[in-house]
PDB file of N, CA and C in Angstrom:
ATOM      1  N   MET A   1     -14.360  20.042 -60.224  1.00  0.00           N
ATOM      2  CA  MET A   1     -13.007  20.560 -60.132  1.00  0.00           C
ATOM      3  C   MET A   1     -12.461  20.252 -58.743  1.00  0.00           C
ATOM      4  N   ALA A   2     -11.323  19.679 -58.681  1.00  0.00           N
ATOM      5  CA  ALA A   2     -10.714  19.283 -57.414  1.00  0.00           C
ATOM      6  C   ALA A   2     -10.032  20.479 -56.760  1.00  0.00           C
ATOM      7  N   GLU A   3     -10.207  20.559 -55.447  1.00  0.00           N
ATOM      8  CA  GLU A   3      -9.540  21.625 -54.702  1.00  0.00           C
ATOM      9  C   GLU A   3      -8.112  21.195 -54.391  1.00  0.00           C
ATOM     10  N   SER A   4      -7.195  22.113 -54.570  1.00  0.00           N
ATOM     11  CA  SER A   4      -5.807  21.789 -54.231  1.00  0.00           C
ATOM     12  C   SER A   4      -5.412  22.582 -52.993  1.00  0.00           C
ATOM     13  N   LYS A   5      -4.735  21.907 -52.104  1.00  0.00           N
ATOM     14  CA  LYS A   5      -4.261  22.557 -50.890  1.00  0.00           C
ATOM     15  C   LYS A   5      -2.858  23.079 -51.151  1.00  0.00           C
ATOM     16  N   ASN A   6      -2.655  24.338 -50.846  1.00  0.00           N
ATOM     17  CA  ASN A   6      -1.350  24.948 -51.049  1.00  0.00           C
ATOM     18  C   ASN A   6      -0.578  24.901 -49.747  1.00  0.00           C
ATOM     19  N   THR A   7       0.360  24.007 -49.663  1.00  0.00           N
ATOM     20  CA  THR A   7       1.189  23.922 -48.473  1.00  0.00           C
ATOM     21  C   THR A   7       2.606  24.302 -48.846  1.00  0.00           C
ATOM     22  N   ALA A   8       3.149  25.217 -48.092  1.00  0.00           N
ATOM     23  CA  ALA A   8       4.505  25.673 -48.361  1.00  0.00           C
ATOM     24  C   ALA A   8       5.470  25.005 -47.390  1.00  0.00           C
ATOM     25  N   ALA A   9       6.423  24.340 -47.931  1.00  0.00           N
ATOM     26  CA  ALA A   9       7.457  23.733 -47.096  1.00  0.00           C
ATOM     27  C   ALA A   9       8.751  24.461 -47.417  1.00  0.00           C
ATOM     28  N   GLY A  10       9.235  25.166 -46.435  1.00  0.00           N
ATOM     29  CA  GLY A  10      10.446  25.925 -46.687  1.00  0.00           C
ATOM     30  C   GLY A  10      11.178  26.212 -45.395  1.00  0.00           C
ATOM     31  N   PHE A  11      12.210  26.985 -45.532  1.00  0.00           N
ATOM     32  CA  PHE A  11      13.013  27.345 -44.383  1.00  0.00           C
ATOM     33  C   PHE A  11      12.501  28.642 -43.788  1.00  0.00           C
ATOM     34  N   GLY A  12      12.550  28.735 -42.468  1.00  0.00           N
ATOM     35  CA  GLY A  12      12.202  29.963 -41.796  1.00  0.00           C
ATOM     36  C   GLY A  12      13.393  30.915 -41.778  1.00  0.00           C
ATOM     37  N   LEU A  13      13.146  32.120 -41.334  1.00  0.00           N
ATOM     38  CA  LEU A  13      14.201  33.131 -41.279  1.00  0.00           C
ATOM     39  C   LEU A  13      15.348  32.699 -40.380  1.00  0.00           C
ATOM     40  N   GLY A  14      15.039  32.099 -39.228  1.00  0.00           N
ATOM     41  CA  GLY A  14      16.075  31.647 -38.307  1.00  0.00           C
ATOM     42  C   GLY A  14      16.983  30.596 -38.926  1.00  0.00           C
ATOM     43  N   THR A  15      16.386  29.670 -39.671  1.00  0.00           N
ATOM     44  CA  THR A  15      17.178  28.626 -40.313  1.00  0.00           C
ATOM     45  C   THR A  15      18.084  29.210 -41.392  1.00  0.00           C
ATOM     46  N   ILE A  16      17.556  30.142 -42.158  1.00  0.00           N
ATOM     47  CA  ILE A  16      18.360  30.771 -43.205  1.00  0.00           C
ATOM     48  C   ILE A  16      19.523  31.546 -42.597  1.00  0.00           C
ATOM     49  N   LEU A  17      19.243  32.311 -41.535  1.00  0.00           N
ATOM     50  CA  LEU A  17      20.324  33.050 -40.873  1.00  0.00           C
ATOM     51  C   LEU A  17      21.379  32.100 -40.313  1.00  0.00           C
ATOM     52  N   PHE A  18      20.934  31.005 -39.699  1.00  0.00           N
ATOM     53  CA  PHE A  18      21.880  30.027 -39.169  1.00  0.00           C
ATOM     54  C   PHE A  18      22.767  29.469 -40.267  1.00  0.00           C
ATOM     55  N   LEU A  19      22.185  29.113 -41.400  1.00  0.00           N
ATOM     56  CA  LEU A  19      22.973  28.561 -42.493  1.00  0.00           C
ATOM     57  C   LEU A  19      23.980  29.573 -43.032  1.00  0.00           C
ATOM     58  N   ILE A  20      23.587  30.835 -43.099  1.00  0.00           N
ATOM     59  CA  ILE A  20      24.517  31.881 -43.535  1.00  0.00           C
ATOM     60  C   ILE A  20      25.653  32.027 -42.528  1.00  0.00           C
ATOM     61  N   PHE A  21      25.303  32.127 -41.240  1.00  0.00           N
ATOM     62  CA  PHE A  21      26.330  32.281 -40.203  1.00  0.00           C
ATOM     63  C   PHE A  21      27.258  31.065 -40.180  1.00  0.00           C
ATOM     64  N   LEU A  22      26.698  29.860 -40.320  1.00  0.00           N
ATOM     65  CA  LEU A  22      27.493  28.641 -40.306  1.00  0.00           C
ATOM     66  C   LEU A  22      28.492  28.621 -41.469  1.00  0.00           C
ATOM     67  N   THR A  23      28.017  29.004 -42.641  1.00  0.00           N
ATOM     68  CA  THR A  23      28.890  29.049 -43.815  1.00  0.00           C
ATOM     69  C   THR A  23      30.023  30.048 -43.617  1.00  0.00           C
ATOM     70  N   LEU A  24      29.692  31.226 -43.105  1.00  0.00           N
ATOM     71  CA  LEU A  24      30.718  32.241 -42.874  1.00  0.00           C
ATOM     72  C   LEU A  24      31.712  31.804 -41.803  1.00  0.00           C
ATOM     73  N   LYS A  25      31.208  31.168 -40.737  1.00  0.00           N
ATOM     74  CA  LYS A  25      32.081  30.706 -39.653  1.00  0.00           C
ATOM     75  C   LYS A  25      33.028  29.614 -40.146  1.00  0.00           C
ATOM     76  N   LEU A  26      32.497  28.606 -40.822  1.00  0.00           N
ATOM     77  CA  LEU A  26      33.323  27.498 -41.286  1.00  0.00           C
ATOM     78  C   LEU A  26      34.269  27.919 -42.410  1.00  0.00           C
ATOM     79  N   GLY A  27      33.841  28.895 -43.213  1.00  0.00           N
ATOM     80  CA  GLY A  27      34.687  29.385 -44.288  1.00  0.00           C
ATOM     81  C   GLY A  27      35.754  30.359 -43.827  1.00  0.00           C
ATOM     82  N   GLY A  28      35.599  30.860 -42.612  1.00  0.00           N
ATOM     83  CA  GLY A  28      36.553  31.808 -42.068  1.00  0.00           C
ATOM     84  C   GLY A  28      36.452  33.196 -42.677  1.00  0.00           C
ATOM     85  N   TRP A  29      35.258  33.553 -43.171  1.00  0.00           N
ATOM     86  CA  TRP A  29      35.059  34.835 -43.831  1.00  0.00           C
ATOM     87  C   TRP A  29      34.471  35.859 -42.889  1.00  0.00           C
ATOM     88  N   GLY A  30      35.001  37.063 -42.941  1.00  0.00           N
ATOM     89  CA  GLY A  30      34.427  38.198 -42.246  1.00  0.00           C
ATOM     90  C   GLY A  30      34.495  38.110 -40.734  1.00  0.00           C
ATOM     91  N   GLU A  31      33.740  38.972 -40.133  1.00  0.00           N
ATOM     92  CA  GLU A  31      33.701  39.087 -38.676  1.00  0.00           C
ATOM     93  C   GLU A  31      33.046  37.865 -38.033  1.00  0.00           C
ATOM     94  N   VAL A  32      32.159  37.206 -38.749  1.00  0.00           N
ATOM     95  CA  VAL A  32      31.438  36.043 -38.206  1.00  0.00           C
ATOM     96  C   VAL A  32      32.408  34.922 -37.841  1.00  0.00           C
ATOM     97  N   ALA A  33      33.523  34.819 -38.529  1.00  0.00           N
ATOM     98  CA  ALA A  33      34.503  33.768 -38.247  1.00  0.00           C
ATOM     99  C   ALA A  33      35.050  33.876 -36.828  1.00  0.00           C
ATOM    100  N   LYS A  34      34.996  35.068 -36.243  1.00  0.00           N
ATOM    101  CA  LYS A  34      35.507  35.283 -34.888  1.00  0.00           C
ATOM    102  C   LYS A  34      34.435  35.086 -33.816  1.00  0.00           C
ATOM    103  N   TRP A  35      33.202  34.937 -34.240  1.00  0.00           N
ATOM    104  CA  TRP A  35      32.104  34.792 -33.290  1.00  0.00           C
ATOM    105  C   TRP A  35      32.199  33.464 -32.538  1.00  0.00           C
ATOM    106  N   SER A  36      31.602  33.480 -31.331  1.00  0.00           N
ATOM    107  CA  SER A  36      31.435  32.249 -30.565  1.00  0.00           C
ATOM    108  C   SER A  36      30.371  31.388 -31.253  1.00  0.00           C
ATOM    109  N   TRP A  37      30.469  30.068 -31.033  1.00  0.00           N
ATOM    110  CA  TRP A  37      29.455  29.188 -31.602  1.00  0.00           C
ATOM    111  C   TRP A  37      28.062  29.471 -31.032  1.00  0.00           C
ATOM    112  N   TRP A  38      28.012  30.029 -29.821  1.00  0.00           N
ATOM    113  CA  TRP A  38      26.713  30.414 -29.251  1.00  0.00           C
ATOM    114  C   TRP A  38      26.008  31.411 -30.146  1.00  0.00           C
ATOM    115  N   TRP A  39      26.758  32.376 -30.678  1.00  0.00           N
ATOM    116  CA  TRP A  39      26.149  33.401 -31.533  1.00  0.00           C
ATOM    117  C   TRP A  39      25.855  32.869 -32.929  1.00  0.00           C
ATOM    118  N   VAL A  40      26.658  31.958 -33.406  1.00  0.00           N
ATOM    119  CA  VAL A  40      26.399  31.362 -34.721  1.00  0.00           C
ATOM    120  C   VAL A  40      25.085  30.576 -34.684  1.00  0.00           C
ATOM    121  N   THR A  41      24.848  29.867 -33.581  1.00  0.00           N
ATOM    122  CA  THR A  41      23.607  29.071 -33.472  1.00  0.00           C
ATOM    123  C   THR A  41      22.437  29.849 -32.877  1.00  0.00           C
ATOM    124  N   SER A  42      22.642  31.107 -32.540  1.00  0.00           N
ATOM    125  CA  SER A  42      21.585  31.891 -31.886  1.00  0.00           C
ATOM    126  C   SER A  42      20.289  32.011 -32.679  1.00  0.00           C
ATOM    127  N   PRO A  43      20.303  32.072 -34.017  1.00  0.00           N
ATOM    128  CA  PRO A  43      19.005  32.115 -34.709  1.00  0.00           C
ATOM    129  C   PRO A  43      18.139  30.888 -34.457  1.00  0.00           C
ATOM    130  N   LEU A  44      18.733  29.793 -33.992  1.00  0.00           N
ATOM    131  CA  LEU A  44      17.961  28.587 -33.717  1.00  0.00           C
ATOM    132  C   LEU A  44      17.360  28.585 -32.318  1.00  0.00           C
ATOM    133  N   TRP A  45      18.075  29.133 -31.323  1.00  0.00           N
ATOM    134  CA  TRP A  45      17.593  29.028 -29.939  1.00  0.00           C
ATOM    135  C   TRP A  45      16.989  30.316 -29.389  1.00  0.00           C
ATOM    136  N   ILE A  46      17.258  31.451 -29.958  1.00  0.00           N
ATOM    137  CA  ILE A  46      16.699  32.701 -29.421  1.00  0.00           C
ATOM    138  C   ILE A  46      15.166  32.728 -29.471  1.00  0.00           C
ATOM    139  N   PRO A  47      14.511  32.274 -30.542  1.00  0.00           N
ATOM    140  CA  PRO A  47      13.039  32.265 -30.518  1.00  0.00           C
ATOM    141  C   PRO A  47      12.454  31.421 -29.385  1.00  0.00           C
ATOM    142  N   SER A  48      13.062  30.273 -29.087  1.00  0.00           N
ATOM    143  CA  SER A  48      12.570  29.430 -27.990  1.00  0.00           C
ATOM    144  C   SER A  48      12.744  30.117 -26.644  1.00  0.00           C
ATOM    145  N   VAL A  49      13.862  30.789 -26.455  1.00  0.00           N
ATOM    146  CA  VAL A  49      14.107  31.519 -25.211  1.00  0.00           C
ATOM    147  C   VAL A  49      13.106  32.666 -25.069  1.00  0.00           C
ATOM    148  N   ALA A  50      12.819  33.350 -26.165  1.00  0.00           N
ATOM    149  CA  ALA A  50      11.852  34.460 -26.124  1.00  0.00           C
ATOM    150  C   ALA A  50      10.460  33.966 -25.732  1.00  0.00           C
ATOM    151  N   VAL A  51      10.045  32.836 -26.277  1.00  0.00           N
ATOM    152  CA  VAL A  51       8.740  32.265 -25.924  1.00  0.00           C
ATOM    153  C   VAL A  51       8.723  31.859 -24.456  1.00  0.00           C
ATOM    154  N   PHE A  52       9.777  31.235 -23.977  1.00  0.00           N
ATOM    155  CA  PHE A  52       9.863  30.807 -22.584  1.00  0.00           C
ATOM    156  C   PHE A  52       9.788  32.012 -21.643  1.00  0.00           C
ATOM    157  N   ILE A  53      10.533  33.075 -21.929  1.00  0.00           N
ATOM    158  CA  ILE A  53      10.515  34.275 -21.086  1.00  0.00           C
ATOM    159  C   ILE A  53       9.136  34.921 -21.101  1.00  0.00           C
ATOM    160  N   THR A  54       8.503  34.952 -22.278  1.00  0.00           N
ATOM    161  CA  THR A  54       7.147  35.523 -22.378  1.00  0.00           C
ATOM    162  C   THR A  54       6.166  34.729 -21.525  1.00  0.00           C
ATOM    163  N   LEU A  55       6.251  33.408 -21.564  1.00  0.00           N
ATOM    164  CA  LEU A  55       5.358  32.581 -20.739  1.00  0.00           C
ATOM    165  C   LEU A  55       5.589  32.808 -19.246  1.00  0.00           C
ATOM    166  N   ILE A  56       6.840  32.944 -18.843  1.00  0.00           N
ATOM    167  CA  ILE A  56       7.150  33.215 -17.438  1.00  0.00           C
ATOM    168  C   ILE A  56       6.547  34.549 -17.012  1.00  0.00           C
ATOM    169  N   ILE A  57       6.690  35.571 -17.845  1.00  0.00           N
ATOM    170  CA  ILE A  57       6.137  36.894 -17.524  1.00  0.00           C
ATOM    171  C   ILE A  57       4.620  36.826 -17.406  1.00  0.00           C
ATOM    172  N   ILE A  58       3.979  36.113 -18.323  1.00  0.00           N
ATOM    173  CA  ILE A  58       2.519  35.976 -18.263  1.00  0.00           C
ATOM    174  C   ILE A  58       2.095  35.274 -16.990  1.00  0.00           C
ATOM    175  N   LEU A  59       2.793  34.198 -16.619  1.00  0.00           N
ATOM    176  CA  LEU A  59       2.442  33.472 -15.392  1.00  0.00           C
ATOM    177  C   LEU A  59       2.656  34.325 -14.148  1.00  0.00           C
ATOM    178  N   VAL A  60       3.705  35.132 -14.131  1.00  0.00           N
ATOM    179  CA  VAL A  60       3.957  36.017 -12.983  1.00  0.00           C
ATOM    180  C   VAL A  60       2.840  37.043 -12.867  1.00  0.00           C
ATOM    181  N   PHE A  61       2.474  37.678 -13.993  1.00  0.00           N
ATOM    182  CA  PHE A  61       1.394  38.666 -13.940  1.00  0.00           C
ATOM    183  C   PHE A  61       0.070  38.031 -13.555  1.00  0.00           C
ATOM    184  N   LYS A  62      -0.186  36.815 -14.038  1.00  0.00           N
ATOM    185  CA  LYS A  62      -1.424  36.118 -13.686  1.00  0.00           C
ATOM    186  C   LYS A  62      -1.464  35.855 -12.177  1.00  0.00           C
ATOM    187  N   GLY A  63      -0.318  35.429 -11.626  1.00  0.00           N
ATOM    188  CA  GLY A  63      -0.256  35.198 -10.169  1.00  0.00           C
ATOM    189  C   GLY A  63      -0.462  36.468  -9.372  1.00  0.00           C
ATOM    190  N   ILE A  64       0.108  37.576  -9.818  1.00  0.00           N
ATOM    191  CA  ILE A  64      -0.059  38.856  -9.126  1.00  0.00           C
ATOM    192  C   ILE A  64      -1.512  39.299  -9.169  1.00  0.00           C
ATOM    193  N   ILE A  65      -2.155  39.162 -10.326  1.00  0.00           N
ATOM    194  CA  ILE A  65      -3.562  39.564 -10.462  1.00  0.00           C
ATOM    195  C   ILE A  65      -4.451  38.702  -9.576  1.00  0.00           C
ATOM    196  N   GLU A  66      -4.208  37.384  -9.534  1.00  0.00           N
ATOM    197  CA  GLU A  66      -5.013  36.500  -8.682  1.00  0.00           C
ATOM    198  C   GLU A  66      -4.793  36.804  -7.212  1.00  0.00           C
ATOM    199  N   MET A  67      -3.565  37.207  -6.847  1.00  0.00           N
ATOM    200  CA  MET A  67      -3.272  37.521  -5.464  1.00  0.00           C
ATOM    201  C   MET A  67      -4.066  38.759  -5.004  1.00  0.00           C
ATOM    202  N   PHE A  68      -4.197  39.749  -5.878  1.00  0.00           N
ATOM    203  CA  PHE A  68      -4.914  40.966  -5.523  1.00  0.00           C
ATOM    204  C   PHE A  68      -6.419  40.816  -5.624  1.00  0.00           C
ATOM    205  N   ASN A  69      -6.901  39.833  -6.351  1.00  0.00           N
ATOM    206  CA  ASN A  69      -8.345  39.616  -6.489  1.00  0.00           C
ATOM    207  C   ASN A  69      -8.939  38.791  -5.364  1.00  0.00           C
ATOM    208  N   LYS A  70      -8.122  38.292  -4.443  1.00  0.00           N
ATOM    209  CA  LYS A  70      -8.640  37.485  -3.337  1.00  0.00           C
ATOM    210  C   LYS A  70      -9.287  38.330  -2.300  1.00  0.00           C
TER     211      LYS A  70
END
């Protein structure tokens, strides 16, 4: 019996939110139509910014710990 690999190819939550916001913005529906394009595209870039900030915080704490361990 052959083993089958189950790989899921789909959209993430950020992509789905972006597509919803984009549709609402371009369609001129609701409050989203008044939003800045920065907020419409935010589901795409906010996760990257969060990872970058987390890495900076980790590096700062690592430097502080190494400074006190000398």
